[in-house]
């Protein structure tokens, strides 16, 4: 299984033994993460976590998503999750999402995950563009997107659904040229007319 080095953190697939820590992380973060992500609620259970892990495994198997646990290397503590999803094969781009438990926020975990996932998207999954979509008002996630070097492209009207209501959202994007240390052939390939590649 794919593991991604993210500095002080490791991104790896979820395993069943993560369920208690994942559920506790979600319940701990209802007032922060739950404000912007409907699934993060006070009643989140270990079974909910296992159901999510199964969905992650299925998405990885069919190439529709690549979701990871964010784990601190020193403490070996699960601090959140991040992933690539919503792949548009024809135009070779995808969405990047992240969340970090309340007690581990402002420690660089989300920023590290964004960098590692974007590189993975460009180097291993054949993507030309990675989008980060953040609900207007979500200051913490907006700060992560900006720190990652993603370019703010617009405030898209009614872009996301939040608790059954359409809300405006900021559109950020990363492209291979935003990472100068990537091999030059990667950026050139992504810019080639008609080039497409499905995630695998």
Protein backbone atom coordinates (compact mmCIF):
# COMPACT_ATOMS: atom_id res chain seq x y z
CA UNK A 1 0.00 0.00 0.00
CA UNK A 2 1.11 3.54 -0.73
CA UNK A 3 2.71 5.52 2.09
CA UNK A 4 3.64 9.18 1.60
CA UNK A 5 6.38 10.99 3.51
CA UNK A 6 5.14 14.35 4.76
CA UNK A 7 8.02 15.61 6.90
CA UNK A 8 7.04 15.17 10.53
CA UNK A 9 4.01 13.18 9.39
CA UNK A 10 3.28 10.00 7.49
CA UNK A 11 0.31 9.59 5.18
CA UNK A 12 -0.85 5.98 5.01
CA UNK A 13 -4.09 4.09 4.30
CA UNK A 14 -6.47 3.66 7.21
CA UNK A 15 -6.51 0.27 8.93
CA UNK A 16 -9.24 -1.18 11.17
CA UNK A 17 -7.16 -0.58 14.30
CA UNK A 18 -7.43 3.17 13.58
CA UNK A 19 -11.17 3.17 14.28
CA UNK A 20 -11.06 4.13 18.00
CA UNK A 21 -8.56 6.94 17.42
CA UNK A 22 -10.40 8.18 14.33
CA UNK A 23 -13.76 8.27 16.09
CA UNK A 24 -12.24 10.05 19.10
CA UNK A 25 -10.55 12.58 16.81
CA UNK A 26 -13.84 13.37 15.09
CA UNK A 27 -15.79 13.74 18.34
CA UNK A 28 -13.05 15.96 19.74
CA UNK A 29 -13.31 18.23 16.71
CA UNK A 30 -17.05 18.83 16.35
CA UNK A 31 -16.73 22.54 17.14
CA UNK A 32 -13.96 23.08 14.58
CA UNK A 33 -14.08 20.44 11.83
CA UNK A 34 -17.80 19.77 12.32
CA UNK A 35 -18.63 23.38 11.57
CA UNK A 36 -17.53 22.82 7.97
CA UNK A 37 -17.94 19.07 7.40
CA UNK A 38 -21.36 17.57 7.97
CA UNK A 39 -20.05 14.07 8.72
CA UNK A 40 -18.11 15.27 11.79
CA UNK A 41 -20.74 15.06 14.53
CA UNK A 42 -20.85 14.29 18.25
CA UNK A 43 -22.30 10.82 17.71
CA UNK A 44 -19.55 9.64 15.34
CA UNK A 45 -18.81 6.01 16.26
CA UNK A 46 -16.12 3.44 15.65
CA UNK A 47 -18.49 1.73 13.23
CA UNK A 48 -18.82 5.00 11.32
CA UNK A 49 -15.04 5.02 11.11
CA UNK A 50 -14.90 1.43 9.84
CA UNK A 51 -17.55 2.21 7.23
CA UNK A 52 -15.43 5.14 6.04
CA UNK A 53 -12.31 2.97 5.89
CA UNK A 54 -14.19 0.46 3.74
CA UNK A 55 -15.23 3.25 1.39
CA UNK A 56 -11.61 4.42 1.24
CA UNK A 57 -10.44 0.90 0.35
CA UNK A 58 -13.05 0.65 -2.40
CA UNK A 59 -12.09 4.04 -3.80
CA UNK A 60 -8.42 3.13 -3.84
CA UNK A 61 -9.20 -0.17 -5.56
CA UNK A 62 -11.16 1.42 -8.41
CA UNK A 63 -8.99 4.55 -8.63
CA UNK A 64 -11.79 6.98 -7.75
CA UNK A 65 -10.14 8.26 -4.57
CA UNK A 66 -6.92 8.03 -2.57
CA UNK A 67 -7.60 8.74 1.11
CA UNK A 68 -4.99 8.67 3.87
CA UNK A 69 -4.59 8.90 7.61
CA UNK A 70 -2.26 11.67 8.77
CA UNK A 71 -0.04 10.18 11.48
CA UNK A 72 2.66 11.97 13.48
CA UNK A 73 5.93 10.09 13.12
CA UNK A 74 7.21 10.73 16.63
CA UNK A 75 4.03 10.03 18.60
CA UNK A 76 2.51 7.66 16.03
CA UNK A 77 -0.73 9.45 16.70
CA UNK A 78 -3.54 9.78 14.17
CA UNK A 79 -4.10 13.51 13.82
CA UNK A 80 -6.47 13.67 10.85
CA UNK A 81 -7.15 12.65 7.31
CA UNK A 82 -6.49 13.90 3.79
CA UNK A 83 -7.04 12.65 0.29
CA UNK A 84 -7.43 13.04 -3.43
CA UNK A 85 -10.85 12.47 -4.96
CA UNK A 86 -13.34 13.62 -7.61
CA UNK A 87 -11.00 12.75 -10.45
CA UNK A 88 -11.96 14.19 -13.84
CA UNK A 89 -10.17 11.82 -16.20
CA UNK A 90 -10.76 13.78 -19.41
CA UNK A 91 -8.98 16.87 -18.11
CA UNK A 92 -6.60 15.22 -15.62
CA UNK A 93 -7.49 17.07 -12.45
CA UNK A 94 -8.82 16.18 -9.02
CA UNK A 95 -9.87 17.58 -5.66
CA UNK A 96 -7.70 17.61 -2.54
CA UNK A 97 -9.29 17.65 0.92
CA UNK A 98 -7.96 17.60 4.48
CA UNK A 99 -8.97 17.82 8.12
CA UNK A 100 -6.99 17.83 11.38
CA UNK A 101 -8.26 17.09 14.87
CA UNK A 102 -8.61 20.09 17.18
CA UNK A 103 -5.74 19.13 19.50
CA UNK A 104 -3.29 18.84 16.58
CA UNK A 105 -4.22 21.97 14.66
CA UNK A 106 -1.72 24.78 13.97
CA UNK A 107 1.18 22.29 14.00
CA UNK A 108 1.72 21.95 10.25
CA UNK A 109 -0.07 18.64 9.68
CA UNK A 110 -2.51 19.89 7.04
CA UNK A 111 0.13 21.85 5.14
CA UNK A 112 2.44 18.83 5.11
CA UNK A 113 -0.38 16.62 3.85
CA UNK A 114 -1.27 19.04 1.04
CA UNK A 115 2.31 19.13 -0.22
CA UNK A 116 2.70 15.34 -0.12
CA UNK A 117 -0.63 14.68 -1.80
CA UNK A 118 -0.12 17.23 -4.55
CA UNK A 119 3.25 15.70 -5.40
CA UNK A 120 1.66 12.26 -5.42
CA UNK A 121 -1.06 13.49 -7.77
CA UNK A 122 1.48 14.89 -10.23
CA UNK A 123 4.20 12.26 -10.01
CA UNK A 124 2.19 9.06 -9.61
CA UNK A 125 -1.41 9.71 -10.67
CA UNK A 126 -0.85 11.69 -13.86
CA UNK A 127 -2.74 14.79 -12.80
CA UNK A 128 -2.25 18.20 -14.42
CA UNK A 129 -4.07 20.16 -11.72
CA UNK A 130 -5.14 19.72 -8.11
CA UNK A 131 -8.01 21.80 -6.75
CA UNK A 132 -8.69 22.81 -3.15
CA UNK A 133 -12.22 24.08 -2.53
CA UNK A 134 -12.84 25.87 0.78
CA UNK A 135 -16.14 27.20 2.08
CA UNK A 136 -16.18 30.96 2.50
CA UNK A 137 -15.49 31.77 6.15
CA UNK A 138 -13.43 28.65 6.91
CA UNK A 139 -10.41 30.64 7.98
CA UNK A 140 -8.29 27.67 9.09
CA UNK A 141 -8.62 25.78 5.80
CA UNK A 142 -8.13 28.98 3.81
CA UNK A 143 -4.86 29.57 5.65
CA UNK A 144 -3.67 26.05 4.83
CA UNK A 145 -4.47 26.47 1.14
CA UNK A 146 -2.60 29.77 1.00
CA UNK A 147 0.43 28.41 2.86
CA UNK A 148 0.61 25.50 0.45
CA UNK A 149 1.32 27.89 -2.41
CA UNK A 150 -1.96 27.14 -4.16
CA UNK A 151 -3.19 29.98 -6.34
CA UNK A 152 -6.50 31.54 -5.38
CA UNK A 153 -8.55 31.65 -8.56
CA UNK A 154 -12.01 32.81 -7.54
CA UNK A 155 -14.83 32.86 -5.03
CA UNK A 156 -17.29 30.49 -6.67
CA UNK A 157 -20.93 31.19 -5.91
CA UNK A 158 -22.95 28.35 -4.38
CA UNK A 159 -20.08 25.93 -4.95
CA UNK A 160 -20.57 23.67 -1.91
CA UNK A 161 -23.45 22.17 0.02
CA UNK A 162 -23.26 22.58 3.79
CA UNK A 163 -26.06 21.21 5.94
CA UNK A 164 -28.41 21.24 2.99
CA UNK A 165 -27.61 24.81 2.00
CA UNK A 166 -25.58 26.02 -0.98
CA UNK A 167 -22.63 28.16 0.13
CA UNK A 168 -19.95 30.14 -1.68
CA UNK A 169 -16.48 28.63 -1.75
CA UNK A 170 -12.94 29.71 -2.62
CA UNK A 171 -11.26 27.85 -5.47
CA UNK A 172 -7.51 27.24 -5.16
CA UNK A 173 -5.34 25.24 -7.53
CA UNK A 174 -1.88 23.70 -7.64
CA UNK A 175 -0.10 22.65 -10.83
CA UNK A 176 3.25 20.85 -11.32
CA UNK A 177 5.06 24.12 -12.04
CA UNK A 178 4.31 25.17 -8.44
CA UNK A 179 6.88 22.55 -7.37
CA UNK A 180 10.20 23.59 -9.00
CA UNK A 181 11.98 20.47 -7.78
CA UNK A 182 9.69 18.11 -9.70
CA UNK A 183 11.31 16.57 -12.80
CA UNK A 184 10.84 18.91 -15.76
CA UNK A 185 9.30 16.16 -17.89
CA UNK A 186 6.32 15.99 -15.52
CA UNK A 187 5.33 19.60 -16.12
CA UNK A 188 5.98 19.26 -19.86
CA UNK A 189 3.86 16.11 -20.10
CA UNK A 190 0.95 17.70 -18.27
CA UNK A 191 0.96 20.61 -20.73
CA UNK A 192 1.05 18.43 -23.85
CA UNK A 193 -2.05 18.93 -26.05
CA UNK A 194 -4.55 16.13 -25.63
CA UNK A 195 -2.63 14.43 -22.83
CA UNK A 196 -4.87 12.55 -20.42
CA UNK A 197 -4.29 9.74 -18.01
CA UNK A 198 -6.67 8.05 -15.64
CA UNK A 199 -5.76 7.74 -11.96
CA UNK A 200 -4.39 4.35 -11.00
